[in-house]
PDB file of all heavy atoms in Angstrom:
ATOM      1  N   TYR A   1     -22.067   3.216   0.239  1.00  0.00           N
ATOM      2  CA  TYR A   1     -21.152   3.945   1.112  1.00  0.00           C
ATOM      3  C   TYR A   1     -20.296   3.016   1.970  1.00  0.00           C
ATOM      4  O   TYR A   1     -19.091   3.220   2.099  1.00  0.00           O
ATOM      5  CB  TYR A   1     -21.924   4.913   2.013  1.00  0.00           C
ATOM      6  CG  TYR A   1     -22.835   5.832   1.249  1.00  0.00           C
ATOM      7  CD1 TYR A   1     -24.207   5.663   1.270  1.00  0.00           C
ATOM      8  CD2 TYR A   1     -22.306   6.861   0.478  1.00  0.00           C
ATOM      9  CE1 TYR A   1     -25.044   6.499   0.551  1.00  0.00           C
ATOM     10  CE2 TYR A   1     -23.124   7.710  -0.249  1.00  0.00           C
ATOM     11  CZ  TYR A   1     -24.491   7.515  -0.208  1.00  0.00           C
ATOM     12  OH  TYR A   1     -25.296   8.338  -0.930  1.00  0.00           O
ATOM     13  N   GLU A   2     -20.905   2.008   2.561  1.00  0.00           N
ATOM     14  CA  GLU A   2     -20.163   1.086   3.420  1.00  0.00           C
ATOM     15  C   GLU A   2     -19.140   0.301   2.615  1.00  0.00           C
ATOM     16  O   GLU A   2     -18.037   0.030   3.086  1.00  0.00           O
ATOM     17  CB  GLU A   2     -21.108   0.112   4.145  1.00  0.00           C
ATOM     18  CG  GLU A   2     -22.038   0.768   5.135  1.00  0.00           C
ATOM     19  CD  GLU A   2     -23.329   1.262   4.496  1.00  0.00           C
ATOM     20  OE1 GLU A   2     -23.500   1.063   3.274  1.00  0.00           O
ATOM     21  OE2 GLU A   2     -24.146   1.858   5.214  1.00  0.00           O
ATOM     22  N   LEU A   3     -19.491  -0.047   1.407  1.00  0.00           N
ATOM     23  CA  LEU A   3     -18.587  -0.787   0.539  1.00  0.00           C
ATOM     24  C   LEU A   3     -17.398   0.076   0.112  1.00  0.00           C
ATOM     25  O   LEU A   3     -16.267  -0.419   0.011  1.00  0.00           O
ATOM     26  CB  LEU A   3     -19.347  -1.284  -0.686  1.00  0.00           C
ATOM     27  CG  LEU A   3     -18.768  -2.469  -1.431  1.00  0.00           C
ATOM     28  CD1 LEU A   3     -18.399  -3.595  -0.494  1.00  0.00           C
ATOM     29  CD2 LEU A   3     -19.763  -2.950  -2.456  1.00  0.00           C
ATOM     30  N   ALA A   4     -17.644   1.357  -0.107  1.00  0.00           N
ATOM     31  CA  ALA A   4     -16.549   2.278  -0.431  1.00  0.00           C
ATOM     32  C   ALA A   4     -15.585   2.383   0.749  1.00  0.00           C
ATOM     33  O   ALA A   4     -14.358   2.388   0.565  1.00  0.00           O
ATOM     34  CB  ALA A   4     -17.098   3.649  -0.794  1.00  0.00           C
ATOM     35  N   PHE A   5     -16.117   2.435   1.953  1.00  0.00           N
ATOM     36  CA  PHE A   5     -15.260   2.500   3.141  1.00  0.00           C
ATOM     37  C   PHE A   5     -14.487   1.200   3.327  1.00  0.00           C
ATOM     38  O   PHE A   5     -13.305   1.210   3.671  1.00  0.00           O
ATOM     39  CB  PHE A   5     -16.101   2.810   4.385  1.00  0.00           C
ATOM     40  CG  PHE A   5     -15.286   2.971   5.630  1.00  0.00           C
ATOM     41  CD1 PHE A   5     -14.406   4.040   5.763  1.00  0.00           C
ATOM     42  CD2 PHE A   5     -15.382   2.058   6.665  1.00  0.00           C
ATOM     43  CE1 PHE A   5     -13.648   4.194   6.905  1.00  0.00           C
ATOM     44  CE2 PHE A   5     -14.624   2.205   7.816  1.00  0.00           C
ATOM     45  CZ  PHE A   5     -13.750   3.274   7.934  1.00  0.00           C
ATOM     46  N   PHE A   6     -15.137   0.072   3.071  1.00  0.00           N
ATOM     47  CA  PHE A   6     -14.470  -1.226   3.151  1.00  0.00           C
ATOM     48  C   PHE A   6     -13.329  -1.300   2.140  1.00  0.00           C
ATOM     49  O   PHE A   6     -12.230  -1.781   2.457  1.00  0.00           O
ATOM     50  CB  PHE A   6     -15.489  -2.346   2.919  1.00  0.00           C
ATOM     51  CG  PHE A   6     -14.918  -3.735   2.972  1.00  0.00           C
ATOM     52  CD1 PHE A   6     -14.202  -4.166   4.072  1.00  0.00           C
ATOM     53  CD2 PHE A   6     -15.119  -4.615   1.926  1.00  0.00           C
ATOM     54  CE1 PHE A   6     -13.675  -5.441   4.123  1.00  0.00           C
ATOM     55  CE2 PHE A   6     -14.606  -5.891   1.962  1.00  0.00           C
ATOM     56  CZ  PHE A   6     -13.878  -6.310   3.064  1.00  0.00           C
ATOM     57  N   HIS A   7     -13.556  -0.797   0.926  1.00  0.00           N
ATOM     58  CA  HIS A   7     -12.502  -0.787  -0.086  1.00  0.00           C
ATOM     59  C   HIS A   7     -11.369   0.154   0.323  1.00  0.00           C
ATOM     60  O   HIS A   7     -10.201  -0.138   0.074  1.00  0.00           O
ATOM     61  CB  HIS A   7     -13.069  -0.401  -1.451  1.00  0.00           C
ATOM     62  CG  HIS A   7     -12.088  -0.544  -2.563  1.00  0.00           C
ATOM     63  ND1 HIS A   7     -11.483  -1.743  -2.873  1.00  0.00           N
ATOM     64  CD2 HIS A   7     -11.587   0.362  -3.440  1.00  0.00           C
ATOM     65  CE1 HIS A   7     -10.655  -1.568  -3.887  1.00  0.00           C
ATOM     66  NE2 HIS A   7     -10.707  -0.301  -4.248  1.00  0.00           N
ATOM     67  N   LEU A   8     -11.707   1.255   0.966  1.00  0.00           N
ATOM     68  CA  LEU A   8     -10.694   2.176   1.471  1.00  0.00           C
ATOM     69  C   LEU A   8      -9.779   1.477   2.471  1.00  0.00           C
ATOM     70  O   LEU A   8      -8.553   1.589   2.406  1.00  0.00           O
ATOM     71  CB  LEU A   8     -11.353   3.398   2.112  1.00  0.00           C
ATOM     72  CG  LEU A   8     -10.419   4.390   2.807  1.00  0.00           C
ATOM     73  CD1 LEU A   8      -9.662   5.205   1.766  1.00  0.00           C
ATOM     74  CD2 LEU A   8     -11.199   5.304   3.729  1.00  0.00           C
ATOM     75  N   LEU A   9     -10.361   0.728   3.392  1.00  0.00           N
ATOM     76  CA  LEU A   9      -9.563   0.019   4.399  1.00  0.00           C
ATOM     77  C   LEU A   9      -8.700  -1.073   3.773  1.00  0.00           C
ATOM     78  O   LEU A   9      -7.515  -1.201   4.092  1.00  0.00           O
ATOM     79  CB  LEU A   9     -10.479  -0.577   5.471  1.00  0.00           C
ATOM     80  CG  LEU A   9     -11.251   0.417   6.327  1.00  0.00           C
ATOM     81  CD1 LEU A   9     -12.150  -0.321   7.310  1.00  0.00           C
ATOM     82  CD2 LEU A   9     -10.307   1.346   7.057  1.00  0.00           C
ATOM     83  N   MET A  10      -9.276  -1.864   2.889  1.00  0.00           N
ATOM     84  CA  MET A  10      -8.517  -2.931   2.233  1.00  0.00           C
ATOM     85  C   MET A  10      -7.394  -2.346   1.381  1.00  0.00           C
ATOM     86  O   MET A  10      -6.267  -2.838   1.395  1.00  0.00           O
ATOM     87  CB  MET A  10      -9.422  -3.796   1.352  1.00  0.00           C
ATOM     88  CG  MET A  10     -10.434  -4.625   2.097  1.00  0.00           C
ATOM     89  SD  MET A  10      -9.666  -5.793   3.233  1.00  0.00           S
ATOM     90  CE  MET A  10      -9.885  -4.972   4.799  1.00  0.00           C
ATOM     91  N   HIS A  11      -7.721  -1.272   0.664  1.00  0.00           N
ATOM     92  CA  HIS A  11      -6.725  -0.627  -0.185  1.00  0.00           C
ATOM     93  C   HIS A  11      -5.584  -0.066   0.653  1.00  0.00           C
ATOM     94  O   HIS A  11      -4.416  -0.150   0.248  1.00  0.00           O
ATOM     95  CB  HIS A  11      -7.387   0.482  -1.016  1.00  0.00           C
ATOM     96  CG  HIS A  11      -6.436   1.208  -1.875  1.00  0.00           C
ATOM     97  ND1 HIS A  11      -5.895   2.419  -1.519  1.00  0.00           N
ATOM     98  CD2 HIS A  11      -5.898   0.901  -3.079  1.00  0.00           C
ATOM     99  CE1 HIS A  11      -5.074   2.819  -2.463  1.00  0.00           C
ATOM    100  NE2 HIS A  11      -5.053   1.922  -3.418  1.00  0.00           N
ATOM    101  N   ALA A  12      -5.890   0.491   1.795  1.00  0.00           N
ATOM    102  CA  ALA A  12      -4.846   1.046   2.664  1.00  0.00           C
ATOM    103  C   ALA A  12      -3.869  -0.040   3.113  1.00  0.00           C
ATOM    104  O   ALA A  12      -2.654   0.206   3.194  1.00  0.00           O
ATOM    105  CB  ALA A  12      -5.478   1.715   3.880  1.00  0.00           C
ATOM    106  N   LEU A  13      -4.378  -1.237   3.352  1.00  0.00           N
ATOM    107  CA  LEU A  13      -3.505  -2.318   3.803  1.00  0.00           C
ATOM    108  C   LEU A  13      -2.501  -2.728   2.732  1.00  0.00           C
ATOM    109  O   LEU A  13      -1.291  -2.765   2.978  1.00  0.00           O
ATOM    110  CB  LEU A  13      -4.349  -3.531   4.218  1.00  0.00           C
ATOM    111  CG  LEU A  13      -5.187  -3.359   5.475  1.00  0.00           C
ATOM    112  CD1 LEU A  13      -6.079  -4.570   5.689  1.00  0.00           C
ATOM    113  CD2 LEU A  13      -4.299  -3.134   6.676  1.00  0.00           C
ATOM    114  N   PHE A  14      -2.977  -3.044   1.534  1.00  0.00           N
ATOM    115  CA  PHE A  14      -2.010  -3.505   0.541  1.00  0.00           C
ATOM    116  C   PHE A  14      -1.242  -2.363  -0.097  1.00  0.00           C
ATOM    117  O   PHE A  14      -0.128  -2.559  -0.598  1.00  0.00           O
ATOM    118  CB  PHE A  14      -2.631  -4.435  -0.511  1.00  0.00           C
ATOM    119  CG  PHE A  14      -3.792  -3.910  -1.289  1.00  0.00           C
ATOM    120  CD1 PHE A  14      -3.618  -3.037  -2.333  1.00  0.00           C
ATOM    121  CD2 PHE A  14      -5.070  -4.353  -1.006  1.00  0.00           C
ATOM    122  CE1 PHE A  14      -4.690  -2.578  -3.073  1.00  0.00           C
ATOM    123  CE2 PHE A  14      -6.151  -3.900  -1.745  1.00  0.00           C
ATOM    124  CZ  PHE A  14      -5.953  -3.008  -2.775  1.00  0.00           C
ATOM    125  N   LYS A  15      -1.759  -1.144  -0.053  1.00  0.00           N
ATOM    126  CA  LYS A  15      -0.997  -0.012  -0.587  1.00  0.00           C
ATOM    127  C   LYS A  15       0.161   0.338   0.335  1.00  0.00           C
ATOM    128  O   LYS A  15       1.244   0.709  -0.141  1.00  0.00           O
ATOM    129  CB  LYS A  15      -1.908   1.209  -0.758  1.00  0.00           C
ATOM    130  CG  LYS A  15      -1.281   2.320  -1.535  1.00  0.00           C
ATOM    131  CD  LYS A  15      -0.801   1.889  -2.899  1.00  0.00           C
ATOM    132  CE  LYS A  15      -1.945   1.461  -3.749  1.00  0.00           C
ATOM    133  NZ  LYS A  15      -1.754   1.554  -5.169  1.00  0.00           N
ATOM    134  N   ALA A  16      -0.028   0.206   1.638  1.00  0.00           N
ATOM    135  CA  ALA A  16       1.068   0.428   2.575  1.00  0.00           C
ATOM    136  C   ALA A  16       2.187  -0.586   2.320  1.00  0.00           C
ATOM    137  O   ALA A  16       3.376  -0.233   2.334  1.00  0.00           O
ATOM    138  CB  ALA A  16       0.565   0.314   4.011  1.00  0.00           C
ATOM    139  N   LEU A  17       1.817  -1.830   2.072  1.00  0.00           N
ATOM    140  CA  LEU A  17       2.808  -2.851   1.750  1.00  0.00           C
ATOM    141  C   LEU A  17       3.545  -2.513   0.453  1.00  0.00           C
ATOM    142  O   LEU A  17       4.759  -2.682   0.362  1.00  0.00           O
ATOM    143  CB  LEU A  17       2.141  -4.226   1.655  1.00  0.00           C
ATOM    144  CG  LEU A  17       3.050  -5.408   1.352  1.00  0.00           C
ATOM    145  CD1 LEU A  17       4.117  -5.562   2.426  1.00  0.00           C
ATOM    146  CD2 LEU A  17       2.232  -6.679   1.230  1.00  0.00           C
ATOM    147  N   LEU A  18       2.818  -2.013  -0.542  1.00  0.00           N
ATOM    148  CA  LEU A  18       3.457  -1.627  -1.805  1.00  0.00           C
ATOM    149  C   LEU A  18       4.481  -0.502  -1.590  1.00  0.00           C
ATOM    150  O   LEU A  18       5.585  -0.556  -2.143  1.00  0.00           O
ATOM    151  CB  LEU A  18       2.409  -1.167  -2.813  1.00  0.00           C
ATOM    152  CG  LEU A  18       1.759  -2.234  -3.675  1.00  0.00           C
ATOM    153  CD1 LEU A  18       0.638  -1.633  -4.510  1.00  0.00           C
ATOM    154  CD2 LEU A  18       2.763  -2.903  -4.565  1.00  0.00           C
ATOM    155  N   PHE A  19       4.135   0.495  -0.802  1.00  0.00           N
ATOM    156  CA  PHE A  19       5.067   1.595  -0.571  1.00  0.00           C
ATOM    157  C   PHE A  19       6.273   1.157   0.262  1.00  0.00           C
ATOM    158  O   PHE A  19       7.395   1.619   0.037  1.00  0.00           O
ATOM    159  CB  PHE A  19       4.365   2.788   0.082  1.00  0.00           C
ATOM    160  CG  PHE A  19       3.779   3.750  -0.908  1.00  0.00           C
ATOM    161  CD1 PHE A  19       2.415   3.927  -0.998  1.00  0.00           C
ATOM    162  CD2 PHE A  19       4.591   4.477  -1.763  1.00  0.00           C
ATOM    163  CE1 PHE A  19       1.871   4.818  -1.922  1.00  0.00           C
ATOM    164  CE2 PHE A  19       4.069   5.369  -2.680  1.00  0.00           C
ATOM    165  CZ  PHE A  19       2.698   5.533  -2.762  1.00  0.00           C
ATOM    166  N   LEU A  20       6.070   0.254   1.209  1.00  0.00           N
ATOM    167  CA  LEU A  20       7.202  -0.267   1.979  1.00  0.00           C
ATOM    168  C   LEU A  20       8.161  -1.040   1.070  1.00  0.00           C
ATOM    169  O   LEU A  20       9.378  -0.878   1.145  1.00  0.00           O
ATOM    170  CB  LEU A  20       6.711  -1.160   3.123  1.00  0.00           C
ATOM    171  CG  LEU A  20       6.064  -0.442   4.297  1.00  0.00           C
ATOM    172  CD1 LEU A  20       5.432  -1.448   5.253  1.00  0.00           C
ATOM    173  CD2 LEU A  20       7.090   0.394   5.033  1.00  0.00           C
ATOM    174  N   CYS A  21       7.607  -1.870   0.215  1.00  0.00           N
ATOM    175  CA  CYS A  21       8.430  -2.624  -0.729  1.00  0.00           C
ATOM    176  C   CYS A  21       9.136  -1.691  -1.704  1.00  0.00           C
ATOM    177  O   CYS A  21      10.307  -1.903  -2.041  1.00  0.00           O
ATOM    178  CB  CYS A  21       7.577  -3.631  -1.499  1.00  0.00           C
ATOM    179  SG  CYS A  21       6.948  -4.974  -0.498  1.00  0.00           S
ATOM    180  N   ALA A  22       8.438  -0.655  -2.152  1.00  0.00           N
ATOM    181  CA  ALA A  22       9.040   0.312  -3.067  1.00  0.00           C
ATOM    182  C   ALA A  22      10.230   1.004  -2.416  1.00  0.00           C
ATOM    183  O   ALA A  22      11.264   1.210  -3.062  1.00  0.00           O
ATOM    184  CB  ALA A  22       8.005   1.334  -3.511  1.00  0.00           C
ATOM    185  N   GLY A  23      10.108   1.340  -1.154  1.00  0.00           N
ATOM    186  CA  GLY A  23      11.216   1.978  -0.440  1.00  0.00           C
ATOM    187  C   GLY A  23      12.437   1.074  -0.364  1.00  0.00           C
ATOM    188  O   GLY A  23      13.579   1.520  -0.563  1.00  0.00           O
ATOM    189  N   ILE A  24      12.219  -0.194  -0.100  1.00  0.00           N
ATOM    190  CA  ILE A  24      13.332  -1.149  -0.050  1.00  0.00           C
ATOM    191  C   ILE A  24      13.975  -1.290  -1.428  1.00  0.00           C
ATOM    192  O   ILE A  24      15.206  -1.316  -1.552  1.00  0.00           O
ATOM    193  CB  ILE A  24      12.835  -2.518   0.470  1.00  0.00           C
ATOM    194  CG1 ILE A  24      12.396  -2.398   1.918  1.00  0.00           C
ATOM    195  CG2 ILE A  24      13.913  -3.585   0.315  1.00  0.00           C
ATOM    196  CD1 ILE A  24      11.660  -3.613   2.447  1.00  0.00           C
ATOM    197  N   LEU A  25      13.145  -1.366  -2.466  1.00  0.00           N
ATOM    198  CA  LEU A  25      13.677  -1.510  -3.823  1.00  0.00           C
ATOM    199  C   LEU A  25      14.463  -0.281  -4.255  1.00  0.00           C
ATOM    200  O   LEU A  25      15.520  -0.396  -4.882  1.00  0.00           O
ATOM    201  CB  LEU A  25      12.548  -1.783  -4.807  1.00  0.00           C
ATOM    202  CG  LEU A  25      11.839  -3.121  -4.658  1.00  0.00           C
ATOM    203  CD1 LEU A  25      10.704  -3.232  -5.658  1.00  0.00           C
ATOM    204  CD2 LEU A  25      12.808  -4.268  -4.818  1.00  0.00           C
ATOM    205  N   ILE A  26      13.945   0.893  -3.944  1.00  0.00           N
ATOM    206  CA  ILE A  26      14.641   2.132  -4.301  1.00  0.00           C
ATOM    207  C   ILE A  26      15.996   2.193  -3.596  1.00  0.00           C
ATOM    208  O   ILE A  26      17.021   2.520  -4.201  1.00  0.00           O
ATOM    209  CB  ILE A  26      13.770   3.360  -3.975  1.00  0.00           C
ATOM    210  CG1 ILE A  26      12.585   3.431  -4.936  1.00  0.00           C
ATOM    211  CG2 ILE A  26      14.591   4.647  -4.031  1.00  0.00           C
ATOM    212  CD1 ILE A  26      11.518   4.421  -4.527  1.00  0.00           C
ATOM    213  N   HIS A  27      16.007   1.849  -2.332  1.00  0.00           N
ATOM    214  CA  HIS A  27      17.265   1.851  -1.570  1.00  0.00           C
ATOM    215  C   HIS A  27      18.232   0.805  -2.122  1.00  0.00           C
ATOM    216  O   HIS A  27      19.430   1.077  -2.300  1.00  0.00           O
ATOM    217  CB  HIS A  27      16.975   1.592  -0.092  1.00  0.00           C
ATOM    218  CG  HIS A  27      18.202   1.553   0.760  1.00  0.00           C
ATOM    219  ND1 HIS A  27      18.938   2.679   1.024  1.00  0.00           N
ATOM    220  CD2 HIS A  27      18.823   0.521   1.383  1.00  0.00           C
ATOM    221  CE1 HIS A  27      19.972   2.346   1.794  1.00  0.00           C
ATOM    222  NE2 HIS A  27      19.917   1.044   2.022  1.00  0.00           N
ATOM    223  N   GLY A  28      17.700  -0.372  -2.420  1.00  0.00           N
ATOM    224  CA  GLY A  28      18.552  -1.459  -2.902  1.00  0.00           C
ATOM    225  C   GLY A  28      19.036  -1.282  -4.325  1.00  0.00           C
ATOM    226  O   GLY A  28      20.044  -1.870  -4.723  1.00  0.00           O
ATOM    227  N   ALA A  29      18.339  -0.477  -5.109  1.00  0.00           N
ATOM    228  CA  ALA A  29      18.722  -0.270  -6.508  1.00  0.00           C
ATOM    229  C   ALA A  29      19.572   0.979  -6.681  1.00  0.00           C
ATOM    230  O   ALA A  29      19.678   1.525  -7.778  1.00  0.00           O
ATOM    231  CB  ALA A  29      17.469  -0.176  -7.381  1.00  0.00           C
ATOM    232  N   GLY A  30      20.175   1.446  -5.608  1.00  0.00           N
ATOM    233  CA  GLY A  30      21.062   2.604  -5.724  1.00  0.00           C
ATOM    234  C   GLY A  30      20.343   3.925  -5.736  1.00  0.00           C
ATOM    235  O   GLY A  30      20.758   4.856  -6.421  1.00  0.00           O
TER     236      GLY A  30
END
């Protein structure tokens, strides 16, 4: 259980970065 929560937190960090980058790319690609 603790490891699943740890993965949830780590995943949230790099997934937020992925969505931010995706937004910039979508805007920049017309």
